[in-house]
Amino acid sequence: MIRNSFSDDTEALCYLVEGKDYALLIDSILGMGNLKAFCETQTDKPVILANTHAHSDHFGGNFFLTAAICLTVI
């Protein structure tokens, strides 16, 4: 679990799950800080990004992962 606190009473969460061939990043939170660079410290596998829905606290960091495969869960 990765936390991106942006106010005293609210925070955004995302998850990085490492598999055999890929790492799955579930949501990309707000884009405050370089999420791609952080993920690279956690895994050496290619990252697949899945956004659970279209709220900015779930897809705001997508621009850091332009080389990732992006999926939208519907």
C-alpha atoms as a PDB file:
ATOM      1  CA  MET A   1       0.000   0.000   0.000  1.00  0.00           C
ATOM      2  CA  ILE A   2       1.266   3.450  -0.918  1.00  0.00           C
ATOM      3  CA  ARG A   3      -0.157   6.496   0.867  1.00  0.00           C
ATOM      4  CA  ASN A   4      -0.327  10.011  -0.538  1.00  0.00           C
ATOM      5  CA  SER A   5      -1.739  12.235   2.201  1.00  0.00           C
ATOM      6  CA  PHE A   6      -3.031  15.528   0.865  1.00  0.00           C
ATOM      7  CA  SER A   7      -5.012  16.924   3.792  1.00  0.00           C
ATOM      8  CA  ASP A   8      -5.421  16.321   7.488  1.00  0.00           C
ATOM      9  CA  ASP A   9      -8.586  14.235   7.167  1.00  0.00           C
ATOM     10  CA  THR A  10      -8.251  12.559   3.752  1.00  0.00           C
ATOM     11  CA  GLU A  11      -5.662  10.444   2.028  1.00  0.00           C
ATOM     12  CA  ALA A  12      -5.318   8.650  -1.283  1.00  0.00           C
ATOM     13  CA  LEU A  13      -4.146   5.052  -1.461  1.00  0.00           C
ATOM     14  CA  CYS A  14      -2.798   2.866  -4.212  1.00  0.00           C
ATOM     15  CA  TYR A  15      -1.365  -0.625  -4.247  1.00  0.00           C
ATOM     16  CA  LEU A  16       1.609  -2.190  -6.010  1.00  0.00           C
ATOM     17  CA  VAL A  17       1.258  -5.968  -6.370  1.00  0.00           C
ATOM     18  CA  GLU A  18       4.221  -7.858  -7.774  1.00  0.00           C
ATOM     19  CA  GLY A  19       3.600 -10.927  -9.886  1.00  0.00           C
ATOM     20  CA  LYS A  20       5.865 -13.323 -11.742  1.00  0.00           C
ATOM     21  CA  ASP A  21       6.300 -11.187 -14.881  1.00  0.00           C
ATOM     22  CA  TYR A  22       4.709  -7.827 -14.086  1.00  0.00           C
ATOM     23  CA  ALA A  23       3.861  -5.547 -11.202  1.00  0.00           C
ATOM     24  CA  LEU A  24       0.277  -4.261 -11.021  1.00  0.00           C
ATOM     25  CA  LEU A  25      -0.215  -0.713  -9.775  1.00  0.00           C
ATOM     26  CA  ILE A  26      -3.816  -0.219  -8.684  1.00  0.00           C
ATOM     27  CA  ASP A  27      -4.568   3.500  -9.032  1.00  0.00           C
ATOM     28  CA  SER A  28      -1.924   6.211  -9.260  1.00  0.00           C
ATOM     29  CA  ILE A  29      -3.189   8.598  -6.569  1.00  0.00           C
ATOM     30  CA  LEU A  30      -2.795  12.365  -6.988  1.00  0.00           C
ATOM     31  CA  GLY A  31       0.480  12.854  -8.809  1.00  0.00           C
ATOM     32  CA  MET A  32       2.214  14.468  -5.854  1.00  0.00           C
ATOM     33  CA  GLY A  33       5.711  13.006  -6.026  1.00  0.00           C
ATOM     34  CA  ASN A  34       7.197  10.748  -8.685  1.00  0.00           C
ATOM     35  CA  LEU A  35       5.243   7.517  -8.370  1.00  0.00           C
ATOM     36  CA  LYS A  36       7.146   5.817 -11.205  1.00  0.00           C
ATOM     37  CA  ALA A  37      10.483   6.441  -9.493  1.00  0.00           C
ATOM     38  CA  PHE A  38       9.070   5.091  -6.245  1.00  0.00           C
ATOM     39  CA  CYS A  39       7.722   1.945  -7.948  1.00  0.00           C
ATOM     40  CA  GLU A  40      11.172   1.374  -9.454  1.00  0.00           C
ATOM     41  CA  THR A  41      12.591   1.204  -5.929  1.00  0.00           C
ATOM     42  CA  GLN A  42      10.084  -1.552  -5.112  1.00  0.00           C
ATOM     43  CA  THR A  43      10.262  -3.762  -8.242  1.00  0.00           C
ATOM     44  CA  ASP A  44      12.333  -4.283 -11.366  1.00  0.00           C
ATOM     45  CA  LYS A  45       9.361  -5.683 -13.296  1.00  0.00           C
ATOM     46  CA  PRO A  46       7.332  -3.718 -15.884  1.00  0.00           C
ATOM     47  CA  VAL A  47       4.383  -1.922 -14.294  1.00  0.00           C
ATOM     48  CA  ILE A  48       0.804  -2.359 -15.485  1.00  0.00           C
ATOM     49  CA  LEU A  49      -1.454   0.434 -14.230  1.00  0.00           C
ATOM     50  CA  ALA A  50      -5.141  -0.185 -13.505  1.00  0.00           C
ATOM     51  CA  ASN A  51      -7.401   2.712 -12.520  1.00  0.00           C
ATOM     52  CA  THR A  52     -10.433   1.687 -10.504  1.00  0.00           C
ATOM     53  CA  HIS A  53     -12.427   4.776 -11.480  1.00  0.00           C
ATOM     54  CA  ALA A  54     -12.076   8.297 -12.850  1.00  0.00           C
ATOM     55  CA  HIS A  55     -11.596  10.411  -9.739  1.00  0.00           C
ATOM     56  CA  SER A  56      -8.457  12.530  -9.630  1.00  0.00           C
ATOM     57  CA  ASP A  57      -7.250  10.885  -6.417  1.00  0.00           C
ATOM     58  CA  HIS A  58      -7.151   7.585  -8.340  1.00  0.00           C
ATOM     59  CA  PHE A  59      -5.666   8.638 -11.708  1.00  0.00           C
ATOM     60  CA  GLY A  60      -3.798  11.867 -10.912  1.00  0.00           C
ATOM     61  CA  GLY A  61      -0.374  10.221 -11.132  1.00  0.00           C
ATOM     62  CA  ASN A  62      -0.963   8.472 -14.473  1.00  0.00           C
ATOM     63  CA  PHE A  63       1.315  10.942 -16.263  1.00  0.00           C
ATOM     64  CA  PHE A  64       4.315   9.496 -14.384  1.00  0.00           C
ATOM     65  CA  LEU A  65       3.653   6.106 -15.962  1.00  0.00           C
ATOM     66  CA  THR A  66       3.379   6.972 -19.645  1.00  0.00           C
ATOM     67  CA  ALA A  67       5.370   3.859 -20.596  1.00  0.00           C
ATOM     68  CA  ALA A  68       3.127   1.623 -18.495  1.00  0.00           C
ATOM     69  CA  ILE A  69       0.267  -0.379 -19.914  1.00  0.00           C
ATOM     70  CA  CYS A  70      -2.827   1.476 -18.677  1.00  0.00           C
ATOM     71  CA  LEU A  71      -6.080  -0.351 -18.011  1.00  0.00           C
ATOM     72  CA  THR A  72      -9.374   1.004 -16.764  1.00  0.00           C
ATOM     73  CA  VAL A  73     -11.382  -1.326 -14.547  1.00  0.00           C
ATOM     74  CA  ILE A  74     -15.101  -1.026 -15.312  1.00  0.00           C
END
